[in-house]
Amino acid sequence: MTRPDFMAVALEQAQAAATRGEVPIGAVIAANGAIVAAAGNRTRELADPTAHAEMLAIREACRATGSERLIDHDLYVTLEPCAMCAGAISFARLRRLYFGAADDKGGAVVSGPRFFASATCHHAPDVYAGIRETEAAAMLKSFFRDRR
């Protein structure tokens, strides 16, 4: 059996979010070669500023595992996480973070505050940036261009 392309699934989640009128960001949490949770942004639909793809995926994975810790789990997300999501990633103890496009304006991993490098960060995942970056960035640019 071949392992799923987790970032491809995250991009599908992002496209589904765009179709709903949400900012196209998608996230997948995987463990042992399988998807545990997948989500796209739902901030508008749920009228909830915390309903980022990463937050929704973390919540779903915690429910599925019955634990607030996702120690042997990896997160794939199409855009660099913001400070809120970086905090949740740290508290969930996710093992690895893979993300697509950097976010110079709102990112908090390799941009802005660099949350995981902070002395007050409890846990820092291994971080891999630029995974399918061109596709993720193009989807976001297209989404915002169409709304201007």
C-alpha atoms as a PDB file:
ATOM      1  CA  MET A   1       0.000   0.000   0.000  1.00  0.00           C
ATOM      2  CA  THR A   2       1.368   3.414  -0.906  1.00  0.00           C
ATOM      3  CA  ARG A   3       1.522   6.199   1.617  1.00  0.00           C
ATOM      4  CA  PRO A   4      -0.872   9.093   0.912  1.00  0.00           C
ATOM      5  CA  ASP A   5       0.551  12.447  -0.202  1.00  0.00           C
ATOM      6  CA  PHE A   6      -0.454  14.331   2.923  1.00  0.00           C
ATOM      7  CA  MET A   7       0.298  17.773   1.487  1.00  0.00           C
ATOM      8  CA  ALA A   8      -1.858  16.961  -1.556  1.00  0.00           C
ATOM      9  CA  VAL A   9      -4.739  16.234   0.825  1.00  0.00           C
ATOM     10  CA  ALA A  10      -4.041  19.500   2.678  1.00  0.00           C
ATOM     11  CA  LEU A  11      -4.206  21.325  -0.679  1.00  0.00           C
ATOM     12  CA  GLU A  12      -7.555  19.624  -1.389  1.00  0.00           C
ATOM     13  CA  GLN A  13      -8.802  20.837   1.994  1.00  0.00           C
ATOM     14  CA  ALA A  14      -7.611  24.349   1.106  1.00  0.00           C
ATOM     15  CA  GLN A  15      -9.476  24.235  -2.209  1.00  0.00           C
ATOM     16  CA  ALA A  16     -12.633  23.085  -0.432  1.00  0.00           C
ATOM     17  CA  ALA A  17     -12.254  26.023   1.969  1.00  0.00           C
ATOM     18  CA  ALA A  18     -11.980  28.430  -0.981  1.00  0.00           C
ATOM     19  CA  THR A  19     -15.135  26.935  -2.486  1.00  0.00           C
ATOM     20  CA  ARG A  20     -16.914  27.761   0.790  1.00  0.00           C
ATOM     21  CA  GLY A  21     -15.620  31.349   0.591  1.00  0.00           C
ATOM     22  CA  GLU A  22     -12.981  30.790   3.260  1.00  0.00           C
ATOM     23  CA  VAL A  23      -9.304  31.694   2.969  1.00  0.00           C
ATOM     24  CA  PRO A  24      -7.836  28.593   1.262  1.00  0.00           C
ATOM     25  CA  ILE A  25      -5.758  26.950   3.940  1.00  0.00           C
ATOM     26  CA  GLY A  26      -5.848  23.225   4.565  1.00  0.00           C
ATOM     27  CA  ALA A  27      -4.304  20.965   7.177  1.00  0.00           C
ATOM     28  CA  VAL A  28      -3.786  17.254   7.698  1.00  0.00           C
ATOM     29  CA  ILE A  29      -2.564  15.387  10.766  1.00  0.00           C
ATOM     30  CA  ALA A  30      -1.012  11.998  10.092  1.00  0.00           C
ATOM     31  CA  ALA A  31       0.439   9.171  12.140  1.00  0.00           C
ATOM     32  CA  ASN A  32       1.848   5.807  11.099  1.00  0.00           C
ATOM     33  CA  GLY A  33       1.358   6.628   7.418  1.00  0.00           C
ATOM     34  CA  ALA A  34      -2.377   7.353   7.775  1.00  0.00           C
ATOM     35  CA  ILE A  35      -4.517  10.455   8.015  1.00  0.00           C
ATOM     36  CA  VAL A  36      -5.934  11.002  11.496  1.00  0.00           C
ATOM     37  CA  ALA A  37      -7.606  14.371  10.802  1.00  0.00           C
ATOM     38  CA  ALA A  38      -8.054  16.829   7.948  1.00  0.00           C
ATOM     39  CA  ALA A  39      -9.630  20.279   7.841  1.00  0.00           C
ATOM     40  CA  GLY A  40      -9.815  23.532   5.981  1.00  0.00           C
ATOM     41  CA  ASN A  41     -10.445  27.019   7.317  1.00  0.00           C
ATOM     42  CA  ARG A  42     -13.990  27.612   8.626  1.00  0.00           C
ATOM     43  CA  THR A  43     -13.687  30.990  10.376  1.00  0.00           C
ATOM     44  CA  ARG A  44     -16.531  32.598   8.421  1.00  0.00           C
ATOM     45  CA  GLU A  45     -18.815  29.576   8.389  1.00  0.00           C
ATOM     46  CA  LEU A  46     -18.505  29.052  12.140  1.00  0.00           C
ATOM     47  CA  ALA A  47     -18.158  32.768  13.008  1.00  0.00           C
ATOM     48  CA  ASP A  48     -15.111  31.700  14.983  1.00  0.00           C
ATOM     49  CA  PRO A  49     -11.735  33.418  14.624  1.00  0.00           C
ATOM     50  CA  THR A  50     -10.030  30.308  16.032  1.00  0.00           C
ATOM     51  CA  ALA A  51     -11.429  27.994  13.332  1.00  0.00           C
ATOM     52  CA  HIS A  52      -8.155  27.900  11.411  1.00  0.00           C
ATOM     53  CA  ALA A  53      -7.422  24.684   9.514  1.00  0.00           C
ATOM     54  CA  GLU A  54      -4.663  23.733  11.964  1.00  0.00           C
ATOM     55  CA  MET A  55      -6.844  24.284  15.034  1.00  0.00           C
ATOM     56  CA  LEU A  56      -9.715  22.256  13.572  1.00  0.00           C
ATOM     57  CA  ALA A  57      -7.385  19.418  12.587  1.00  0.00           C
ATOM     58  CA  ILE A  58      -5.753  19.386  16.031  1.00  0.00           C
ATOM     59  CA  ARG A  59      -9.159  19.276  17.724  1.00  0.00           C
ATOM     60  CA  GLU A  60     -10.305  16.438  15.444  1.00  0.00           C
ATOM     61  CA  ALA A  61      -7.086  14.445  15.990  1.00  0.00           C
ATOM     62  CA  CYS A  62      -7.332  14.862  19.770  1.00  0.00           C
ATOM     63  CA  ARG A  63     -10.923  13.597  19.683  1.00  0.00           C
ATOM     64  CA  ALA A  64      -9.899  10.649  17.492  1.00  0.00           C
ATOM     65  CA  THR A  65      -7.001   9.671  19.748  1.00  0.00           C
ATOM     66  CA  GLY A  66      -8.684  10.522  23.038  1.00  0.00           C
ATOM     67  CA  SER A  67      -5.653  12.560  24.084  1.00  0.00           C
ATOM     68  CA  GLU A  68      -4.583  16.192  24.233  1.00  0.00           C
ATOM     69  CA  ARG A  69      -1.075  15.091  23.177  1.00  0.00           C
ATOM     70  CA  LEU A  70      -0.274  14.158  19.590  1.00  0.00           C
ATOM     71  CA  ILE A  71       3.296  13.082  20.248  1.00  0.00           C
ATOM     72  CA  ASP A  72       3.792  10.713  17.305  1.00  0.00           C
ATOM     73  CA  HIS A  73       1.771  12.817  14.869  1.00  0.00           C
ATOM     74  CA  ASP A  74       2.784  15.142  12.062  1.00  0.00           C
ATOM     75  CA  LEU A  75       0.965  18.237  10.781  1.00  0.00           C
ATOM     76  CA  TYR A  76       0.899  19.216   7.108  1.00  0.00           C
ATOM     77  CA  VAL A  77      -0.493  22.691   6.412  1.00  0.00           C
ATOM     78  CA  THR A  78      -0.547  24.772   3.259  1.00  0.00           C
ATOM     79  CA  LEU A  79       0.481  28.067   4.907  1.00  0.00           C
ATOM     80  CA  GLU A  80       2.947  28.882   7.679  1.00  0.00           C
ATOM     81  CA  PRO A  81       1.011  28.796  10.968  1.00  0.00           C
ATOM     82  CA  CYS A  82       0.160  31.987  12.859  1.00  0.00           C
ATOM     83  CA  ALA A  83       1.079  32.533  16.522  1.00  0.00           C
ATOM     84  CA  MET A  84      -2.212  31.036  17.767  1.00  0.00           C
ATOM     85  CA  CYS A  85      -1.753  27.878  15.727  1.00  0.00           C
ATOM     86  CA  ALA A  86       1.952  27.624  16.611  1.00  0.00           C
ATOM     87  CA  GLY A  87       0.950  27.714  20.276  1.00  0.00           C
ATOM     88  CA  ALA A  88      -1.573  24.927  19.747  1.00  0.00           C
ATOM     89  CA  ILE A  89       1.014  22.880  17.812  1.00  0.00           C
ATOM     90  CA  SER A  90       3.412  23.253  20.732  1.00  0.00           C
ATOM     91  CA  PHE A  91       0.853  22.357  23.388  1.00  0.00           C
ATOM     92  CA  ALA A  92      -0.333  19.343  21.361  1.00  0.00           C
ATOM     93  CA  ARG A  93       3.309  18.197  21.191  1.00  0.00           C
ATOM     94  CA  LEU A  94       3.109  17.478  17.462  1.00  0.00           C
ATOM     95  CA  ARG A  95       6.283  15.759  16.309  1.00  0.00           C
ATOM     96  CA  ARG A  96       6.768  17.449  12.935  1.00  0.00           C
ATOM     97  CA  LEU A  97       5.361  20.443  11.077  1.00  0.00           C
ATOM     98  CA  TYR A  98       5.432  20.525   7.298  1.00  0.00           C
ATOM     99  CA  PHE A  99       4.125  23.677   5.633  1.00  0.00           C
ATOM    100  CA  GLY A 100       3.808  25.071   2.145  1.00  0.00           C
ATOM    101  CA  ALA A 101       4.018  28.834   1.703  1.00  0.00           C
ATOM    102  CA  ALA A 102       5.685  31.174   4.168  1.00  0.00           C
ATOM    103  CA  ASP A 103       3.480  33.986   5.512  1.00  0.00           C
ATOM    104  CA  ASP A 104       5.540  37.152   5.908  1.00  0.00           C
ATOM    105  CA  LYS A 105       2.537  39.038   7.287  1.00  0.00           C
ATOM    106  CA  GLY A 106       0.958  36.591   9.743  1.00  0.00           C
ATOM    107  CA  GLY A 107       3.293  33.634  10.078  1.00  0.00           C
ATOM    108  CA  ALA A 108       4.971  32.809  13.370  1.00  0.00           C
ATOM    109  CA  VAL A 109       7.289  29.914  12.554  1.00  0.00           C
ATOM    110  CA  VAL A 110       9.958  31.214  10.143  1.00  0.00           C
ATOM    111  CA  SER A 111       8.447  34.686   9.927  1.00  0.00           C
ATOM    112  CA  GLY A 112       7.456  37.231  12.571  1.00  0.00           C
ATOM    113  CA  PRO A 113       7.903  36.098  16.183  1.00  0.00           C
ATOM    114  CA  ARG A 114       9.376  32.659  15.365  1.00  0.00           C
ATOM    115  CA  PHE A 115       7.330  31.070  18.116  1.00  0.00           C
ATOM    116  CA  PHE A 116       9.242  27.780  18.363  1.00  0.00           C
ATOM    117  CA  ALA A 117      12.545  29.620  18.933  1.00  0.00           C
ATOM    118  CA  SER A 118      11.087  31.488  21.928  1.00  0.00           C
ATOM    119  CA  ALA A 119      12.493  30.697  25.358  1.00  0.00           C
ATOM    120  CA  THR A 120       8.926  30.270  26.631  1.00  0.00           C
ATOM    121  CA  CYS A 121       7.995  27.631  24.040  1.00  0.00           C
ATOM    122  CA  HIS A 122       7.334  24.311  25.798  1.00  0.00           C
ATOM    123  CA  HIS A 123       7.793  22.075  22.755  1.00  0.00           C
ATOM    124  CA  ALA A 124       9.110  22.747  19.273  1.00  0.00           C
ATOM    125  CA  PRO A 125       8.334  20.306  16.459  1.00  0.00           C
ATOM    126  CA  ASP A 126      10.792  19.567  13.699  1.00  0.00           C
ATOM    127  CA  VAL A 127       9.889  22.104  10.987  1.00  0.00           C
ATOM    128  CA  TYR A 128      10.027  21.543   7.223  1.00  0.00           C
ATOM    129  CA  ALA A 129       9.086  24.578   5.133  1.00  0.00           C
ATOM    130  CA  GLY A 130       8.373  24.999   1.432  1.00  0.00           C
ATOM    131  CA  ILE A 131       6.515  21.716   0.798  1.00  0.00           C
ATOM    132  CA  ARG A 132       4.545  22.297  -2.455  1.00  0.00           C
ATOM    133  CA  GLU A 133       5.038  25.991  -1.762  1.00  0.00           C
ATOM    134  CA  THR A 134       4.331  27.151  -5.320  1.00  0.00           C
ATOM    135  CA  GLU A 135       0.897  25.489  -5.408  1.00  0.00           C
ATOM    136  CA  ALA A 136      -0.078  26.719  -1.952  1.00  0.00           C
ATOM    137  CA  ALA A 137       1.014  30.306  -2.679  1.00  0.00           C
ATOM    138  CA  ALA A 138      -0.720  30.326  -6.079  1.00  0.00           C
ATOM    139  CA  MET A 139      -4.001  29.202  -4.520  1.00  0.00           C
ATOM    140  CA  LEU A 140      -3.873  32.013  -1.955  1.00  0.00           C
ATOM    141  CA  LYS A 141      -2.894  34.662  -4.524  1.00  0.00           C
ATOM    142  CA  SER A 142      -5.700  33.584  -6.852  1.00  0.00           C
ATOM    143  CA  PHE A 143      -8.241  33.627  -4.024  1.00  0.00           C
ATOM    144  CA  PHE A 144      -7.372  37.175  -2.957  1.00  0.00           C
ATOM    145  CA  ARG A 145      -6.971  38.461  -6.521  1.00  0.00           C
ATOM    146  CA  ASP A 146     -10.514  37.279  -7.337  1.00  0.00           C
ATOM    147  CA  ARG A 147     -11.888  39.214  -4.364  1.00  0.00           C
ATOM    148  CA  ARG A 148     -10.253  42.540  -5.170  1.00  0.00           C
END
